[in-house]
Amino acid sequence: MKKHLLTAFLITFLFPFFSFAQEINVNQIKSGFYLKLGPNFPLGNFATGQTLKDVSPPDHPVYFPATMGGAMDMGFLIYLGPAFANNHLRAGIDATFISFSFNPIKSDTISSPKTQYWYYFIGQKFGPVISVCPVDRLVIDLSYKLNAYVAYLHHIVRGKYNDEWGKNLTQSEISMNIRYSVMLFSFQYNFGQVTYNDFDSSKPNHYVDNTTFRFLIGFKF
């Protein structure tokens, strides 16, 4: 009698836990929400500064070099269809619903301490992703995304404002996530140019490079 009761207990209470554990081991690559935060580092002309010479004189606008700023991504990994290659590979869409970043200028490039200069960007990123689960709960995501965003350049010189608005609908990003359980580390190379013209077609277009490398830390649920 005791033997039968013990067997019934094991089946009733322990079997679901074993089944759940088996499910985890079978497929770690699942859709879910993510949040990432971290620094972004300007590269190329964005880091060294840009004086535009491709517009009519005397309008040669200067865009000061940027320094390290911050970035935030909030989005969802959407997988299309089941995992394959014995549950080690899965393909889907990396959808970043909100992507925000900013960069101040390098302080040693401005002679006046009253000058403030900030680059702001906010938009969305979407693109294909391939995820690999080599072992246990370790997952590596490789993705390419197109970034559509609005740019705002805020600068104050001796108390006078001279802000600019711009946009880019086809900025590119190549990224890699390394995940273990809910922890996530993301490496992103974001490259392209923002067009500043205050959304006014009658004004000249100023094409300004804003390439960055980003290292973000976050969670994927």
C-alpha atoms as a PDB file:
ATOM      1  CA  MET A   1       0.000   0.000   0.000  1.00  0.00           C
ATOM      2  CA  LYS A   2       2.783   2.439   0.946  1.00  0.00           C
ATOM      3  CA  LYS A   3       4.570   1.610  -2.293  1.00  0.00           C
ATOM      4  CA  HIS A   4       1.507   2.495  -4.339  1.00  0.00           C
ATOM      5  CA  LEU A   5       1.019   5.751  -2.421  1.00  0.00           C
ATOM      6  CA  LEU A   6       4.658   6.718  -3.023  1.00  0.00           C
ATOM      7  CA  THR A   7       4.298   5.980  -6.735  1.00  0.00           C
ATOM      8  CA  ALA A   8       1.123   8.050  -6.922  1.00  0.00           C
ATOM      9  CA  PHE A   9       2.859  10.934  -5.138  1.00  0.00           C
ATOM     10  CA  LEU A  10       5.770  10.890  -7.562  1.00  0.00           C
ATOM     11  CA  ILE A  11       3.483  10.860 -10.577  1.00  0.00           C
ATOM     12  CA  THR A  12       1.190  13.580  -9.246  1.00  0.00           C
ATOM     13  CA  PHE A  13       3.717  16.091  -7.894  1.00  0.00           C
ATOM     14  CA  LEU A  14       7.110  15.409  -9.440  1.00  0.00           C
ATOM     15  CA  PHE A  15       6.285  14.440 -13.003  1.00  0.00           C
ATOM     16  CA  PRO A  16       5.195  17.985 -14.005  1.00  0.00           C
ATOM     17  CA  PHE A  17       8.529  19.367 -12.805  1.00  0.00           C
ATOM     18  CA  PHE A  18      10.474  16.777 -14.795  1.00  0.00           C
ATOM     19  CA  SER A  19       8.359  17.550 -17.851  1.00  0.00           C
ATOM     20  CA  PHE A  20       9.002  21.271 -17.458  1.00  0.00           C
ATOM     21  CA  ALA A  21      12.739  20.714 -17.099  1.00  0.00           C
ATOM     22  CA  GLN A  22      12.737  18.535 -20.189  1.00  0.00           C
ATOM     23  CA  GLU A  23      10.907  21.237 -22.137  1.00  0.00           C
ATOM     24  CA  ILE A  24      13.535  23.806 -21.118  1.00  0.00           C
ATOM     25  CA  ASN A  25      16.350  21.536 -22.286  1.00  0.00           C
ATOM     26  CA  VAL A  26      14.593  20.846 -25.578  1.00  0.00           C
ATOM     27  CA  ASN A  27      14.077  24.439 -26.715  1.00  0.00           C
ATOM     28  CA  GLN A  28      15.705  27.523 -25.207  1.00  0.00           C
ATOM     29  CA  ILE A  29      15.024  29.794 -28.189  1.00  0.00           C
ATOM     30  CA  LYS A  30      11.680  31.394 -27.427  1.00  0.00           C
ATOM     31  CA  SER A  31       9.945  34.648 -28.261  1.00  0.00           C
ATOM     32  CA  GLY A  32       9.994  37.305 -25.581  1.00  0.00           C
ATOM     33  CA  PHE A  33      10.358  40.911 -24.483  1.00  0.00           C
ATOM     34  CA  TYR A  34      13.763  42.540 -23.963  1.00  0.00           C
ATOM     35  CA  LEU A  35      15.152  45.709 -22.424  1.00  0.00           C
ATOM     36  CA  LYS A  36      18.750  46.898 -22.946  1.00  0.00           C
ATOM     37  CA  LEU A  37      20.702  49.850 -21.551  1.00  0.00           C
ATOM     38  CA  GLY A  38      24.296  50.963 -21.928  1.00  0.00           C
ATOM     39  CA  PRO A  39      26.877  53.333 -23.423  1.00  0.00           C
ATOM     40  CA  ASN A  40      27.272  54.165 -27.093  1.00  0.00           C
ATOM     41  CA  PHE A  41      30.562  55.310 -28.585  1.00  0.00           C
ATOM     42  CA  PRO A  42      30.771  57.584 -31.652  1.00  0.00           C
ATOM     43  CA  LEU A  43      32.937  56.417 -34.552  1.00  0.00           C
ATOM     44  CA  GLY A  44      34.381  58.001 -37.677  1.00  0.00           C
ATOM     45  CA  ASN A  45      33.280  61.528 -38.525  1.00  0.00           C
ATOM     46  CA  PHE A  46      30.763  61.478 -35.702  1.00  0.00           C
ATOM     47  CA  ALA A  47      33.684  61.242 -33.271  1.00  0.00           C
ATOM     48  CA  THR A  48      36.037  63.659 -35.038  1.00  0.00           C
ATOM     49  CA  GLY A  49      33.582  66.377 -36.101  1.00  0.00           C
ATOM     50  CA  GLN A  50      32.232  67.440 -39.484  1.00  0.00           C
ATOM     51  CA  THR A  51      32.354  70.658 -41.465  1.00  0.00           C
ATOM     52  CA  LEU A  52      30.015  70.381 -44.437  1.00  0.00           C
ATOM     53  CA  LYS A  53      31.479  71.761 -47.671  1.00  0.00           C
ATOM     54  CA  ASP A  54      28.835  70.391 -50.059  1.00  0.00           C
ATOM     55  CA  VAL A  55      26.469  73.350 -49.589  1.00  0.00           C
ATOM     56  CA  SER A  56      26.634  76.855 -51.000  1.00  0.00           C
ATOM     57  CA  PRO A  57      28.975  79.328 -49.253  1.00  0.00           C
ATOM     58  CA  PRO A  58      28.989  80.985 -46.822  1.00  0.00           C
ATOM     59  CA  ASP A  59      26.883  78.249 -45.234  1.00  0.00           C
ATOM     60  CA  HIS A  60      29.493  75.713 -44.119  1.00  0.00           C
ATOM     61  CA  PRO A  61      27.865  74.358 -40.963  1.00  0.00           C
ATOM     62  CA  VAL A  62      30.023  72.741 -38.325  1.00  0.00           C
ATOM     63  CA  TYR A  63      28.854  69.677 -36.403  1.00  0.00           C
ATOM     64  CA  PHE A  64      31.047  69.236 -33.391  1.00  0.00           C
ATOM     65  CA  PRO A  65      32.570  65.847 -32.485  1.00  0.00           C
ATOM     66  CA  ALA A  66      30.482  63.681 -30.210  1.00  0.00           C
ATOM     67  CA  THR A  67      31.654  61.788 -27.173  1.00  0.00           C
ATOM     68  CA  MET A  68      30.316  58.761 -25.317  1.00  0.00           C
ATOM     69  CA  GLY A  69      26.585  58.846 -24.662  1.00  0.00           C
ATOM     70  CA  GLY A  70      23.855  56.410 -23.722  1.00  0.00           C
ATOM     71  CA  ALA A  71      21.370  54.153 -25.484  1.00  0.00           C
ATOM     72  CA  MET A  72      18.234  52.193 -24.644  1.00  0.00           C
ATOM     73  CA  ASP A  73      16.433  49.515 -26.664  1.00  0.00           C
ATOM     74  CA  MET A  74      13.050  48.043 -25.784  1.00  0.00           C
ATOM     75  CA  GLY A  75      11.541  45.425 -28.049  1.00  0.00           C
ATOM     76  CA  PHE A  76      10.481  41.852 -28.745  1.00  0.00           C
ATOM     77  CA  LEU A  77      12.053  38.804 -30.361  1.00  0.00           C
ATOM     78  CA  ILE A  78       9.432  37.172 -32.597  1.00  0.00           C
ATOM     79  CA  TYR A  79      10.257  33.694 -33.873  1.00  0.00           C
ATOM     80  CA  LEU A  80       8.581  32.365 -37.018  1.00  0.00           C
ATOM     81  CA  GLY A  81       8.018  28.644 -36.912  1.00  0.00           C
ATOM     82  CA  PRO A  82       9.684  25.974 -34.756  1.00  0.00           C
ATOM     83  CA  ALA A  83      13.368  25.555 -33.977  1.00  0.00           C
ATOM     84  CA  PHE A  84      15.389  23.309 -36.266  1.00  0.00           C
ATOM     85  CA  ALA A  85      18.774  21.543 -36.329  1.00  0.00           C
ATOM     86  CA  ASN A  86      17.798  19.575 -33.232  1.00  0.00           C
ATOM     87  CA  ASN A  87      16.494  22.766 -31.547  1.00  0.00           C
ATOM     88  CA  HIS A  88      19.820  24.575 -31.888  1.00  0.00           C
ATOM     89  CA  LEU A  89      18.719  27.136 -34.506  1.00  0.00           C
ATOM     90  CA  ARG A  90      15.692  29.362 -34.944  1.00  0.00           C
ATOM     91  CA  ALA A  91      14.859  32.303 -37.217  1.00  0.00           C
ATOM     92  CA  GLY A  92      12.581  35.251 -36.647  1.00  0.00           C
ATOM     93  CA  ILE A  93      12.274  39.040 -36.404  1.00  0.00           C
ATOM     94  CA  ASP A  94      14.050  41.368 -33.999  1.00  0.00           C
ATOM     95  CA  ALA A  95      11.572  44.200 -33.392  1.00  0.00           C
ATOM     96  CA  THR A  96      12.833  47.159 -31.346  1.00  0.00           C
ATOM     97  CA  PHE A  97       9.748  49.263 -30.680  1.00  0.00           C
ATOM     98  CA  ILE A  98      11.617  52.075 -28.903  1.00  0.00           C
ATOM     99  CA  SER A  99      15.269  52.911 -29.551  1.00  0.00           C
ATOM    100  CA  PHE A 100      16.659  56.021 -27.863  1.00  0.00           C
ATOM    101  CA  SER A 101      20.215  57.354 -27.787  1.00  0.00           C
ATOM    102  CA  PHE A 102      22.102  60.557 -27.108  1.00  0.00           C
ATOM    103  CA  ASN A 103      25.641  61.935 -27.378  1.00  0.00           C
ATOM    104  CA  PRO A 104      27.095  65.171 -25.962  1.00  0.00           C
ATOM    105  CA  ILE A 105      30.009  66.935 -27.625  1.00  0.00           C
ATOM    106  CA  LYS A 106      33.598  66.652 -26.502  1.00  0.00           C
ATOM    107  CA  SER A 107      34.132  69.423 -23.966  1.00  0.00           C
ATOM    108  CA  ASP A 108      37.653  70.246 -25.166  1.00  0.00           C
ATOM    109  CA  THR A 109      36.401  71.154 -28.665  1.00  0.00           C
ATOM    110  CA  ILE A 110      34.429  74.193 -27.462  1.00  0.00           C
ATOM    111  CA  SER A 111      36.245  77.344 -26.389  1.00  0.00           C
ATOM    112  CA  SER A 112      33.290  78.809 -24.525  1.00  0.00           C
ATOM    113  CA  PRO A 113      32.076  77.034 -21.374  1.00  0.00           C
ATOM    114  CA  LYS A 114      28.637  78.491 -22.063  1.00  0.00           C
ATOM    115  CA  THR A 115      28.248  76.353 -25.179  1.00  0.00           C
ATOM    116  CA  GLN A 116      26.149  73.198 -24.906  1.00  0.00           C
ATOM    117  CA  TYR A 117      25.690  70.703 -27.717  1.00  0.00           C
ATOM    118  CA  TRP A 118      23.680  67.472 -27.665  1.00  0.00           C
ATOM    119  CA  TYR A 119      22.654  64.902 -30.270  1.00  0.00           C
ATOM    120  CA  TYR A 120      19.393  63.004 -29.625  1.00  0.00           C
ATOM    121  CA  PHE A 121      17.854  60.142 -31.608  1.00  0.00           C
ATOM    122  CA  ILE A 122      14.598  58.209 -31.132  1.00  0.00           C
ATOM    123  CA  GLY A 123      12.972  55.671 -33.432  1.00  0.00           C
ATOM    124  CA  GLN A 124      12.362  52.004 -34.165  1.00  0.00           C
ATOM    125  CA  LYS A 125      14.435  49.120 -35.542  1.00  0.00           C
ATOM    126  CA  PHE A 126      13.249  45.969 -37.334  1.00  0.00           C
ATOM    127  CA  GLY A 127      15.040  43.147 -39.092  1.00  0.00           C
ATOM    128  CA  PRO A 128      15.721  39.413 -39.352  1.00  0.00           C
ATOM    129  CA  VAL A 129      17.393  37.497 -36.551  1.00  0.00           C
ATOM    130  CA  ILE A 130      18.956  34.027 -36.358  1.00  0.00           C
ATOM    131  CA  SER A 131      19.430  32.554 -32.890  1.00  0.00           C
ATOM    132  CA  VAL A 132      21.804  29.741 -31.992  1.00  0.00           C
ATOM    133  CA  CYS A 133      21.651  27.670 -28.801  1.00  0.00           C
ATOM    134  CA  PRO A 134      24.980  25.807 -28.625  1.00  0.00           C
ATOM    135  CA  VAL A 135      24.562  24.458 -25.099  1.00  0.00           C
ATOM    136  CA  ASP A 136      22.319  24.629 -22.028  1.00  0.00           C
ATOM    137  CA  ARG A 137      20.669  28.084 -21.640  1.00  0.00           C
ATOM    138  CA  LEU A 138      23.246  29.935 -23.737  1.00  0.00           C
ATOM    139  CA  VAL A 139      21.729  31.663 -26.799  1.00  0.00           C
ATOM    140  CA  ILE A 140      23.472  33.845 -29.389  1.00  0.00           C
ATOM    141  CA  ASP A 141      21.385  36.163 -31.579  1.00  0.00           C
ATOM    142  CA  LEU A 142      22.694  37.587 -34.865  1.00  0.00           C
ATOM    143  CA  SER A 143      20.578  40.273 -36.517  1.00  0.00           C
ATOM    144  CA  TYR A 144      20.509  42.994 -39.155  1.00  0.00           C
ATOM    145  CA  LYS A 145      18.024  45.821 -38.631  1.00  0.00           C
ATOM    146  CA  LEU A 146      16.882  48.960 -40.416  1.00  0.00           C
ATOM    147  CA  ASN A 147      16.546  51.926 -38.086  1.00  0.00           C
ATOM    148  CA  ALA A 148      13.964  54.645 -38.770  1.00  0.00           C
ATOM    149  CA  TYR A 149      14.352  57.580 -36.398  1.00  0.00           C
ATOM    150  CA  VAL A 150      13.941  61.271 -35.723  1.00  0.00           C
ATOM    151  CA  ALA A 151      17.030  63.289 -34.754  1.00  0.00           C
ATOM    152  CA  TYR A 152      17.153  66.414 -32.617  1.00  0.00           C
ATOM    153  CA  LEU A 153      20.279  68.540 -32.345  1.00  0.00           C
ATOM    154  CA  HIS A 154      20.152  70.823 -29.311  1.00  0.00           C
ATOM    155  CA  HIS A 155      22.801  73.477 -28.921  1.00  0.00           C
ATOM    156  CA  ILE A 156      23.093  76.683 -26.944  1.00  0.00           C
ATOM    157  CA  VAL A 157      25.811  79.233 -27.700  1.00  0.00           C
ATOM    158  CA  ARG A 158      26.067  82.101 -25.197  1.00  0.00           C
ATOM    159  CA  GLY A 159      22.425  81.760 -24.263  1.00  0.00           C
ATOM    160  CA  LYS A 160      21.133  81.574 -27.856  1.00  0.00           C
ATOM    161  CA  TYR A 161      19.298  78.483 -29.111  1.00  0.00           C
ATOM    162  CA  ASN A 162      19.864  77.137 -32.598  1.00  0.00           C
ATOM    163  CA  ASP A 163      18.281  73.706 -32.674  1.00  0.00           C
ATOM    164  CA  GLU A 164      17.900  71.413 -35.689  1.00  0.00           C
ATOM    165  CA  TRP A 165      15.611  68.513 -36.570  1.00  0.00           C
ATOM    166  CA  GLY A 166      16.404  65.657 -38.898  1.00  0.00           C
ATOM    167  CA  LYS A 167      15.593  62.073 -39.792  1.00  0.00           C
ATOM    168  CA  ASN A 168      16.780  58.845 -41.364  1.00  0.00           C
ATOM    169  CA  LEU A 169      14.469  56.022 -42.437  1.00  0.00           C
ATOM    170  CA  THR A 170      17.124  53.500 -43.507  1.00  0.00           C
ATOM    171  CA  GLN A 171      19.934  53.540 -40.937  1.00  0.00           C
ATOM    172  CA  SER A 172      21.596  50.129 -40.657  1.00  0.00           C
ATOM    173  CA  GLU A 173      22.576  48.079 -37.639  1.00  0.00           C
ATOM    174  CA  ILE A 174      24.455  44.803 -37.273  1.00  0.00           C
ATOM    175  CA  SER A 175      24.184  43.338 -33.794  1.00  0.00           C
ATOM    176  CA  MET A 176      24.946  40.294 -31.691  1.00  0.00           C
ATOM    177  CA  ASN A 177      23.308  39.309 -28.412  1.00  0.00           C
ATOM    178  CA  ILE A 178      24.797  36.839 -25.970  1.00  0.00           C
ATOM    179  CA  ARG A 179      22.136  35.576 -23.574  1.00  0.00           C
ATOM    180  CA  TYR A 180      22.107  33.199 -20.652  1.00  0.00           C
ATOM    181  CA  SER A 181      18.754  32.613 -18.998  1.00  0.00           C
ATOM    182  CA  VAL A 182      17.263  36.135 -18.649  1.00  0.00           C
ATOM    183  CA  MET A 183      20.599  38.019 -18.746  1.00  0.00           C
ATOM    184  CA  LEU A 184      21.595  39.646 -22.019  1.00  0.00           C
ATOM    185  CA  PHE A 185      24.703  41.361 -23.429  1.00  0.00           C
ATOM    186  CA  SER A 186      24.382  43.161 -26.757  1.00  0.00           C
ATOM    187  CA  PHE A 187      27.051  44.444 -29.164  1.00  0.00           C
ATOM    188  CA  GLN A 188      25.773  46.798 -31.879  1.00  0.00           C
ATOM    189  CA  TYR A 189      27.362  48.552 -34.851  1.00  0.00           C
ATOM    190  CA  ASN A 190      24.962  51.286 -35.972  1.00  0.00           C
ATOM    191  CA  PHE A 191      25.962  53.195 -39.118  1.00  0.00           C
ATOM    192  CA  GLY A 192      24.515  55.818 -41.449  1.00  0.00           C
ATOM    193  CA  GLN A 193      23.797  59.522 -41.871  1.00  0.00           C
ATOM    194  CA  VAL A 194      21.084  61.749 -40.482  1.00  0.00           C
ATOM    195  CA  THR A 195      19.588  64.426 -42.730  1.00  0.00           C
ATOM    196  CA  TYR A 196      19.096  67.732 -40.908  1.00  0.00           C
ATOM    197  CA  ASN A 197      16.695  70.171 -42.618  1.00  0.00           C
ATOM    198  CA  ASP A 198      14.054  70.837 -39.923  1.00  0.00           C
ATOM    199  CA  PHE A 199      11.609  68.761 -42.034  1.00  0.00           C
ATOM    200  CA  ASP A 200      11.507  71.648 -44.503  1.00  0.00           C
ATOM    201  CA  SER A 201      12.220  70.739 -48.135  1.00  0.00           C
ATOM    202  CA  SER A 202      12.997  74.369 -48.941  1.00  0.00           C
ATOM    203  CA  LYS A 203      16.053  74.246 -46.661  1.00  0.00           C
ATOM    204  CA  PRO A 204      19.362  72.629 -47.678  1.00  0.00           C
ATOM    205  CA  ASN A 205      19.930  69.083 -46.527  1.00  0.00           C
ATOM    206  CA  HIS A 206      22.839  68.601 -44.138  1.00  0.00           C
ATOM    207  CA  TYR A 207      24.023  64.972 -44.207  1.00  0.00           C
ATOM    208  CA  VAL A 208      25.788  64.236 -40.931  1.00  0.00           C
ATOM    209  CA  ASP A 209      27.410  60.906 -40.062  1.00  0.00           C
ATOM    210  CA  ASN A 210      26.269  59.385 -36.757  1.00  0.00           C
ATOM    211  CA  THR A 211      27.954  55.977 -36.691  1.00  0.00           C
ATOM    212  CA  THR A 212      28.242  54.401 -33.235  1.00  0.00           C
ATOM    213  CA  PHE A 213      29.268  51.224 -31.449  1.00  0.00           C
ATOM    214  CA  ARG A 214      27.058  50.240 -28.521  1.00  0.00           C
ATOM    215  CA  PHE A 215      27.489  47.842 -25.625  1.00  0.00           C
ATOM    216  CA  LEU A 216      24.195  47.225 -23.865  1.00  0.00           C
ATOM    217  CA  ILE A 217      23.258  45.066 -20.891  1.00  0.00           C
ATOM    218  CA  GLY A 218      19.727  43.973 -20.144  1.00  0.00           C
ATOM    219  CA  PHE A 219      17.128  41.257 -19.772  1.00  0.00           C
ATOM    220  CA  LYS A 220      15.102  39.077 -22.081  1.00  0.00           C
ATOM    221  CA  PHE A 221      11.949  37.516 -20.643  1.00  0.00           C
END
